[in-house]
Amino acid sequence: MMSILPNQFFDILILLLVMFNPFLMSIYLIELIQSLSSKRFSYVIFRAFWISALIFIVFAFSGDYLFQSVLQIHFGSFMIFGGILFTLISLQQMISGPKSINLLRGPIEHIGGAATLPFMLGPGTISTSIYAGSVLSPIWTIIVILAASLLSALSLIILKVLFSKVATKKHDFMESYINIIGRMMALIMGSIAVNMIIKGIQLILNLTY
């Protein structure tokens, strides 16, 4: 029988949702949203989130052991590199506009795998999964990861439906949405990226001294 809902459950759930960032991902996948039917889009998104969720669960249970004992790298280094990567992406998006982020996606025919990177399966979501595994029981860790993945997938599908209805009537509105939301999300992602770099440095300094 499962224990009472842990206090950290909703904190981790919200953090994972912020890391998944369906609004930014909708910009990242805008060509996919515009070109695929709702049924096909739903299949691709659920498959991508299912793959990501399985990987998150593996990281949640393996914890820092996978980095230090198997990969033989410090988890702080992973955080720093991920922070630098997201900082560069955020800067490019702020300067060149949201559509510049499509360069990260690759050919649309490979989108089934590309949809998991770099937002769904990235340093932020992996580190949050590891944190979840360290403070929650195994069953609650699995539940929070699956819940965040499901909610994010459903959010993207809802955005796809809304885009399909609005795009045919108000193309200018869609362009404004993409530009405004894309730059706002880039600002948030850049802030999270800098925080990841700081946390990574702190982890390494705590190990050194």
Protein backbone atom coordinates (compact mmCIF):
# COMPACT_ATOMS: atom_id res chain seq x y z
CA MET A 1 0.00 0.00 0.00
CA MET A 2 1.39 3.43 -0.96
CA SER A 3 2.30 5.90 1.74
CA ILE A 4 0.72 9.34 2.10
CA LEU A 5 1.63 11.79 -0.65
CA PRO A 6 5.12 13.15 0.19
CA ASN A 7 5.61 16.88 0.74
CA GLN A 8 8.24 17.05 -2.03
CA PHE A 9 5.97 15.42 -4.63
CA PHE A 10 4.37 18.58 -6.00
CA ASP A 11 7.64 20.55 -5.79
CA ILE A 12 9.34 17.98 -8.01
CA LEU A 13 6.30 17.69 -10.30
CA ILE A 14 6.28 21.46 -10.90
CA LEU A 15 10.04 21.52 -11.40
CA LEU A 16 9.84 18.76 -14.01
CA LEU A 17 7.03 20.58 -15.82
CA VAL A 18 9.13 23.75 -15.89
CA MET A 19 12.08 21.77 -17.26
CA PHE A 20 9.91 20.10 -19.92
CA ASN A 21 8.52 23.54 -20.81
CA PRO A 22 5.71 22.63 -23.26
CA PHE A 23 5.44 26.26 -24.45
CA LEU A 24 9.08 26.40 -25.53
CA MET A 25 8.83 22.89 -26.94
CA SER A 26 5.86 24.00 -29.05
CA ILE A 27 8.17 26.54 -30.71
CA TYR A 28 10.84 23.87 -31.13
CA LEU A 29 8.28 21.57 -32.79
CA ILE A 30 6.28 24.22 -34.66
CA GLU A 31 6.95 22.67 -38.08
CA LEU A 32 5.81 19.30 -36.76
CA ILE A 33 2.69 20.92 -35.28
CA GLN A 34 1.85 22.55 -38.59
CA SER A 35 2.53 19.55 -40.83
CA LEU A 36 1.17 16.52 -38.96
CA SER A 37 -2.39 15.52 -38.19
CA SER A 38 -3.47 15.58 -34.55
CA LYS A 39 -3.49 11.78 -34.41
CA ARG A 40 0.02 11.42 -35.85
CA PHE A 41 1.36 14.26 -33.71
CA SER A 42 -0.09 12.66 -30.56
CA TYR A 43 1.59 9.35 -31.41
CA VAL A 44 5.00 10.99 -31.92
CA ILE A 45 4.77 13.05 -28.72
CA PHE A 46 3.59 10.21 -26.49
CA ARG A 47 6.33 7.95 -27.85
CA ALA A 48 9.00 10.59 -27.23
CA PHE A 49 7.79 11.23 -23.68
CA TRP A 50 7.52 7.50 -22.98
CA ILE A 51 11.15 6.97 -24.05
CA SER A 52 12.25 9.95 -21.98
CA ALA A 53 10.30 8.81 -18.90
CA LEU A 54 12.00 5.40 -18.96
CA ILE A 55 15.41 7.07 -19.12
CA PHE A 56 14.50 9.44 -16.28
CA ILE A 57 13.50 6.49 -14.10
CA VAL A 58 16.85 4.80 -14.79
CA PHE A 59 18.71 7.96 -13.78
CA ALA A 60 16.49 8.42 -10.72
CA PHE A 61 17.39 4.97 -9.42
CA SER A 62 21.04 4.97 -10.47
CA GLY A 63 21.66 8.44 -9.05
CA ASP A 64 25.15 9.90 -8.90
CA TYR A 65 26.62 6.36 -8.99
CA LEU A 66 26.15 6.18 -12.77
CA PHE A 67 28.22 9.31 -13.30
CA GLN A 68 31.05 8.66 -10.84
CA SER A 69 31.43 4.87 -10.99
CA VAL A 70 30.35 4.00 -14.54
CA LEU A 71 30.98 7.13 -16.63
CA GLN A 72 33.65 8.37 -14.18
CA ILE A 73 32.66 12.01 -14.46
CA HIS A 74 31.48 14.30 -11.69
CA PHE A 75 27.80 15.16 -11.76
CA GLY A 76 28.78 18.81 -11.34
CA SER A 77 30.56 18.67 -14.70
CA PHE A 78 27.37 17.39 -16.29
CA MET A 79 25.44 20.29 -14.74
CA ILE A 80 27.98 22.88 -15.92
CA PHE A 81 28.05 21.59 -19.50
CA GLY A 82 24.27 21.41 -19.62
CA GLY A 83 24.04 24.95 -18.27
CA ILE A 84 26.49 26.24 -20.89
CA LEU A 85 24.56 24.43 -23.65
CA PHE A 86 21.23 25.92 -22.60
CA THR A 87 22.82 29.36 -22.15
CA LEU A 88 24.06 29.32 -25.75
CA ILE A 89 20.66 28.15 -27.01
CA SER A 90 18.91 30.89 -25.03
CA LEU A 91 21.25 33.59 -26.29
CA GLN A 92 20.78 32.48 -29.89
CA GLN A 93 17.03 32.48 -29.47
CA MET A 94 17.01 35.94 -27.86
CA ILE A 95 19.19 37.43 -30.60
CA SER A 96 18.02 35.61 -33.73
CA GLY A 97 14.43 34.87 -32.79
CA PRO A 98 12.55 31.72 -31.78
CA LYS A 99 12.71 30.02 -35.18
CA SER A 100 16.50 29.76 -34.88
CA ILE A 101 15.87 26.97 -32.40
CA ASN A 102 14.73 24.74 -35.28
CA LEU A 103 18.38 24.31 -36.24
CA LEU A 104 18.71 22.03 -33.21
CA ARG A 105 15.97 19.71 -34.35
CA GLY A 106 17.36 18.21 -37.52
CA PRO A 107 15.33 16.77 -40.41
CA ILE A 108 11.63 16.43 -39.71
CA GLU A 109 11.64 12.78 -40.76
CA HIS A 110 13.86 12.03 -37.74
CA ILE A 111 11.69 13.95 -35.32
CA GLY A 112 10.58 10.85 -33.41
CA GLY A 113 13.98 10.69 -31.78
CA ALA A 114 14.87 14.37 -31.99
CA ALA A 115 11.77 15.36 -30.04
CA THR A 116 13.45 14.06 -26.90
CA LEU A 117 16.39 16.47 -27.17
CA PRO A 118 17.50 18.90 -25.87
CA PHE A 119 14.45 19.90 -23.79
CA MET A 120 12.74 16.66 -22.84
CA LEU A 121 15.90 14.65 -22.27
CA GLY A 122 18.37 17.25 -21.08
CA PRO A 123 20.58 18.10 -18.09
CA GLY A 124 17.75 19.88 -16.26
CA THR A 125 15.26 17.02 -16.44
CA ILE A 126 17.90 14.36 -15.73
CA SER A 127 19.24 16.19 -12.66
CA THR A 128 15.67 16.72 -11.39
CA SER A 129 14.98 12.99 -11.85
CA ILE A 130 18.08 12.14 -9.84
CA TYR A 131 16.93 14.54 -7.12
CA ALA A 132 13.48 12.90 -7.13
CA GLY A 133 15.06 9.50 -6.63
CA SER A 134 17.05 10.80 -3.66
CA VAL A 135 14.08 12.27 -1.73
CA LEU A 136 11.12 10.10 -2.77
CA SER A 137 10.41 6.39 -2.41
CA PRO A 138 10.76 4.31 -5.60
CA ILE A 139 7.01 4.15 -6.23
CA TRP A 140 6.52 7.91 -5.80
CA THR A 141 9.56 8.59 -7.98
CA ILE A 142 8.01 6.59 -10.81
CA ILE A 143 4.62 8.26 -10.30
CA VAL A 144 5.99 11.83 -10.35
CA ILE A 145 8.06 11.19 -13.49
CA LEU A 146 5.16 9.54 -15.33
CA ALA A 147 2.74 12.27 -14.17
CA ALA A 148 5.01 15.09 -15.37
CA SER A 149 5.60 13.31 -18.70
CA LEU A 150 1.87 12.72 -19.24
CA LEU A 151 0.88 16.29 -18.34
CA SER A 152 3.57 17.73 -20.62
CA ALA A 153 2.54 15.49 -23.52
CA LEU A 154 -1.13 16.43 -23.07
CA SER A 155 -0.19 20.13 -22.92
CA LEU A 156 1.64 19.85 -26.24
CA ILE A 157 -1.30 18.06 -27.85
CA ILE A 158 -3.70 20.77 -26.60
CA LEU A 159 -1.37 23.45 -27.99
CA LYS A 160 -1.32 21.58 -31.30
CA VAL A 161 -5.14 21.64 -31.47
CA LEU A 162 -5.24 25.35 -30.60
CA PHE A 163 -2.54 26.16 -33.16
CA SER A 164 -4.42 24.28 -35.88
CA LYS A 165 -7.59 26.27 -35.22
CA VAL A 166 -5.92 29.67 -34.92
CA ALA A 167 -3.31 29.32 -37.69
CA THR A 168 -5.87 29.02 -40.48
CA LYS A 169 -7.61 32.26 -39.46
CA LYS A 170 -4.99 34.45 -37.81
CA HIS A 171 -1.55 33.82 -39.26
CA ASP A 172 -0.19 37.15 -37.98
CA PHE A 173 -1.32 36.29 -34.46
CA MET A 174 0.56 32.99 -34.64
CA GLU A 175 3.75 34.74 -35.74
CA SER A 176 3.44 37.19 -32.84
CA TYR A 177 2.82 34.33 -30.40
CA ILE A 178 5.86 32.43 -31.59
CA ASN A 179 8.06 35.51 -31.30
CA ILE A 180 6.83 36.68 -27.88
CA ILE A 181 6.56 33.29 -26.16
CA GLY A 182 9.81 32.11 -27.71
CA ARG A 183 11.77 35.05 -26.33
CA MET A 184 10.07 34.86 -22.92
CA MET A 185 10.86 31.16 -22.63
CA ALA A 186 14.44 31.81 -23.75
CA LEU A 187 14.81 34.28 -20.88
CA ILE A 188 13.50 31.73 -18.38
CA MET A 189 15.61 28.92 -19.82
CA GLY A 190 18.72 31.13 -19.74
CA SER A 191 18.12 31.89 -16.06
CA ILE A 192 17.73 28.19 -15.29
CA ALA A 193 20.90 27.48 -17.29
CA VAL A 194 22.95 29.97 -15.27
CA ASN A 195 21.58 28.43 -12.07
CA MET A 196 22.65 24.98 -13.31
CA ILE A 197 26.19 26.27 -13.88
CA ILE A 198 26.30 27.74 -10.36
CA LYS A 199 25.02 24.50 -8.82
CA GLY A 200 27.54 22.47 -10.83
CA ILE A 201 30.41 24.65 -9.60
CA GLN A 202 29.15 24.34 -6.02
CA LEU A 203 29.04 20.54 -6.32
CA ILE A 204 32.64 20.41 -7.57
CA LEU A 205 33.88 22.84 -4.91
CA ASN A 206 32.17 20.84 -2.15
CA LEU A 207 33.95 17.72 -3.40
CA THR A 208 37.33 19.47 -3.70
CA TYR A 209 37.35 21.19 -0.35
